[in-house]
């Protein structure tokens, strides 16, 4: 069984739902791990996979997500989690209300022989105000392209179809099913 290494309950639940829909069971390796500080999610993900391969024996995957805001020259980028914890949505709204932005999730998979990388992107805009529908992270202030409501206002099913994480995980699942790894 493939393990999803994350300490984030929201990420695990989202992944578990997508994998179950495709008939695959995953297990949760609930742990925190140190990440390098880098300017891109791919570098962070690849480095974390290499380090975790030394600790874990079975195949596993991780993900790293960034929020890239055009008017802030790509900030917070891969530092989205830290910025969310320190500044919060209200400060991002003050700095970037209405700006074009995108989320990028990179999924890294290690089968102990090789590391594979899968990427998903969701384009949109930073809203002008925080949605009353509370959600995970930046979801209450991010309006996906083609929508007129915040990501936090979408149903779980709708969100999984269009989300950056959903897109990256679907590519990963397609790879797993076509490669014969599972």
Protein backbone atom coordinates (compact mmCIF):
# COMPACT_ATOMS: atom_id res chain seq x y z
CA UNK A 1 0.00 0.00 0.00
CA UNK A 2 1.21 3.48 -0.86
CA UNK A 3 1.60 5.95 2.00
CA UNK A 4 0.72 9.63 1.87
CA UNK A 5 3.22 11.40 4.12
CA UNK A 6 1.63 14.54 5.53
CA UNK A 7 0.65 16.06 8.84
CA UNK A 8 -2.24 17.89 7.17
CA UNK A 9 -5.67 16.32 7.69
CA UNK A 10 -7.28 18.37 4.88
CA UNK A 11 -4.71 17.21 2.33
CA UNK A 12 -5.08 13.57 3.36
CA UNK A 13 -8.90 13.63 3.16
CA UNK A 14 -8.79 15.23 -0.29
CA UNK A 15 -6.30 12.64 -1.55
CA UNK A 16 -8.13 9.71 0.05
CA UNK A 17 -11.37 10.72 -1.70
CA UNK A 18 -9.70 10.89 -5.13
CA UNK A 19 -7.87 7.58 -4.71
CA UNK A 20 -11.01 5.77 -3.48
CA UNK A 21 -12.92 7.00 -6.54
CA UNK A 22 -10.33 5.22 -8.67
CA UNK A 23 -10.37 2.04 -6.54
CA UNK A 24 -7.04 2.59 -4.79
CA UNK A 25 -6.45 2.49 -1.06
CA UNK A 26 -3.78 4.66 0.49
CA UNK A 27 -2.55 4.86 4.05
CA UNK A 28 -1.70 7.92 6.07
CA UNK A 29 1.82 8.35 7.39
CA UNK A 30 1.03 11.26 9.68
CA UNK A 31 4.34 12.97 10.24
CA UNK A 32 6.04 16.30 9.91
CA UNK A 33 9.34 16.52 8.10
CA UNK A 34 11.76 19.33 7.50
CA UNK A 35 11.78 20.96 4.09
CA UNK A 36 14.55 22.90 2.44
CA UNK A 37 13.90 26.54 1.66
CA UNK A 38 13.79 26.90 -2.12
CA UNK A 39 12.11 29.12 -4.69
CA UNK A 40 10.13 26.36 -6.36
CA UNK A 41 7.86 23.55 -5.24
CA UNK A 42 9.55 20.95 -7.46
CA UNK A 43 12.93 21.37 -5.75
CA UNK A 44 11.33 21.18 -2.31
CA UNK A 45 9.33 18.09 -3.23
CA UNK A 46 12.24 16.24 -4.83
CA UNK A 47 14.55 16.98 -1.87
CA UNK A 48 11.91 15.87 0.65
CA UNK A 49 11.34 12.62 -1.28
CA UNK A 50 15.07 11.85 -1.23
CA UNK A 51 15.31 12.46 2.52
CA UNK A 52 12.15 10.50 3.33
CA UNK A 53 13.33 7.57 1.18
CA UNK A 54 16.04 7.03 3.79
CA UNK A 55 13.42 6.73 6.56
CA UNK A 56 10.51 4.92 4.90
CA UNK A 57 10.65 1.48 3.32
CA UNK A 58 7.41 1.35 1.37
CA UNK A 59 6.37 3.48 -1.60
CA UNK A 60 5.10 6.90 -0.54
CA UNK A 61 4.06 10.25 -1.88
CA UNK A 62 4.10 13.81 -0.59
CA UNK A 63 2.89 17.11 -1.91
CA UNK A 64 4.02 20.70 -1.78
CA UNK A 65 1.77 23.60 -2.69
CA UNK A 66 2.42 27.24 -3.45
CA UNK A 67 0.28 30.30 -4.11
CA UNK A 68 1.73 32.64 -6.71
CA UNK A 69 0.25 36.17 -6.81
CA UNK A 70 1.06 38.21 -9.91
CA UNK A 71 0.96 41.68 -8.31
CA UNK A 72 3.38 40.45 -5.62
CA UNK A 73 5.84 39.00 -8.18
CA UNK A 74 4.88 35.43 -7.31
CA UNK A 75 4.90 35.88 -3.54
CA UNK A 76 4.27 33.89 -1.36
CA UNK A 77 5.08 31.08 -3.81
CA UNK A 78 6.35 27.95 -2.05
CA UNK A 79 6.25 29.80 1.27
CA UNK A 80 2.44 29.89 1.21
CA UNK A 81 1.97 27.86 4.38
CA UNK A 82 4.33 30.03 6.41
CA UNK A 83 2.78 33.23 5.08
CA UNK A 84 -0.71 31.89 5.83
CA UNK A 85 0.32 31.24 9.44
CA UNK A 86 2.06 34.59 9.94
CA UNK A 87 0.07 37.08 7.84
CA UNK A 88 -3.24 35.34 7.24
CA UNK A 89 -5.83 36.02 4.58
CA UNK A 90 -6.63 39.57 5.74
CA UNK A 91 -3.09 40.82 5.03
CA UNK A 92 -2.99 39.07 1.65
CA UNK A 93 -6.27 40.82 0.77
CA UNK A 94 -4.78 44.18 1.79
CA UNK A 95 -1.75 43.62 -0.45
CA UNK A 96 -3.24 41.82 -3.45
CA UNK A 97 -7.03 42.17 -3.65
CA UNK A 98 -8.17 41.51 -7.23
CA UNK A 99 -4.77 40.30 -8.44
CA UNK A 100 -4.33 37.36 -10.79
CA UNK A 101 -2.92 34.34 -8.99
CA UNK A 102 -2.46 30.61 -9.28
CA UNK A 103 -2.02 27.65 -6.99
CA UNK A 104 0.55 25.02 -7.88
CA UNK A 105 0.72 21.60 -6.26
CA UNK A 106 3.61 19.26 -6.88
CA UNK A 107 3.20 15.60 -5.91
CA UNK A 108 6.39 13.62 -5.40
CA UNK A 109 6.28 9.81 -5.47
CA UNK A 110 9.13 7.54 -4.40
CA UNK A 111 9.16 3.80 -4.99
CA UNK A 112 12.63 3.60 -3.40
CA UNK A 113 14.23 3.35 -6.88
CA UNK A 114 13.15 6.59 -8.48
CA UNK A 115 11.32 9.83 -7.73
CA UNK A 116 8.45 10.89 -9.97
CA UNK A 117 6.96 14.40 -10.04
CA UNK A 118 3.40 15.41 -10.99
CA UNK A 119 2.13 19.00 -11.16
CA UNK A 120 -1.31 20.60 -11.04
CA UNK A 121 -2.17 24.29 -11.47
CA UNK A 122 -5.35 26.24 -10.72
CA UNK A 123 -5.57 29.76 -12.15
CA UNK A 124 -7.75 32.46 -10.67
CA UNK A 125 -7.77 35.72 -8.73
CA UNK A 126 -7.47 36.93 -5.19
CA UNK A 127 -10.95 38.11 -4.21
CA UNK A 128 -11.82 41.56 -2.87
CA UNK A 129 -13.07 40.16 0.44
CA UNK A 130 -12.90 36.95 2.43
CA UNK A 131 -15.76 34.52 1.86
CA UNK A 132 -18.09 33.89 4.77
CA UNK A 133 -17.72 30.21 3.96
CA UNK A 134 -14.60 29.33 5.88
CA UNK A 135 -12.28 26.89 4.23
CA UNK A 136 -8.79 25.54 4.25
CA UNK A 137 -5.91 28.02 3.92
CA UNK A 138 -6.37 30.56 1.15
CA UNK A 139 -9.58 28.97 -0.19
CA UNK A 140 -11.84 31.77 1.21
CA UNK A 141 -9.93 34.46 -0.75
CA UNK A 142 -9.20 32.62 -4.02
CA UNK A 143 -11.68 32.71 -6.90
CA UNK A 144 -10.95 30.04 -9.53
CA UNK A 145 -10.90 31.11 -13.17
CA UNK A 146 -14.40 30.77 -14.66
CA UNK A 147 -16.14 30.99 -11.28
CA UNK A 148 -17.73 33.87 -9.40
CA UNK A 149 -17.28 32.43 -5.92
CA UNK A 150 -14.39 31.50 -3.67
CA UNK A 151 -12.85 28.05 -3.66
CA UNK A 152 -14.18 27.56 -0.12
CA UNK A 153 -17.75 27.92 -1.43
CA UNK A 154 -17.48 25.03 -3.88
CA UNK A 155 -18.65 21.54 -2.97
CA UNK A 156 -15.93 19.03 -2.16
CA UNK A 157 -16.65 17.17 -5.39
CA UNK A 158 -16.51 20.33 -7.48
CA UNK A 159 -13.31 21.44 -5.77
CA UNK A 160 -11.62 18.06 -6.28
CA UNK A 161 -12.32 18.23 -10.02
CA UNK A 162 -10.77 21.66 -10.58
CA UNK A 163 -8.23 21.99 -7.77
CA UNK A 164 -4.48 22.15 -8.23
CA UNK A 165 -4.05 19.22 -5.82
CA UNK A 166 -6.77 17.25 -7.58
CA UNK A 167 -5.09 17.75 -10.96
CA UNK A 168 -1.67 16.69 -9.67
CA UNK A 169 -3.12 13.66 -7.87
CA UNK A 170 -5.11 12.58 -10.95
CA UNK A 171 -1.89 12.63 -13.01
CA UNK A 172 -0.21 10.58 -10.29
CA UNK A 173 -3.10 8.07 -10.14
CA UNK A 174 -3.08 7.74 -13.95
CA UNK A 175 0.65 7.01 -13.77
CA UNK A 176 0.17 4.39 -11.04
CA UNK A 177 -2.56 2.61 -12.98
CA UNK A 178 -0.78 2.71 -16.35
CA UNK A 179 2.69 1.78 -15.06
CA UNK A 180 1.62 -1.38 -13.27
CA UNK A 181 3.13 -0.20 -9.99
CA UNK A 182 -0.13 -1.10 -8.25
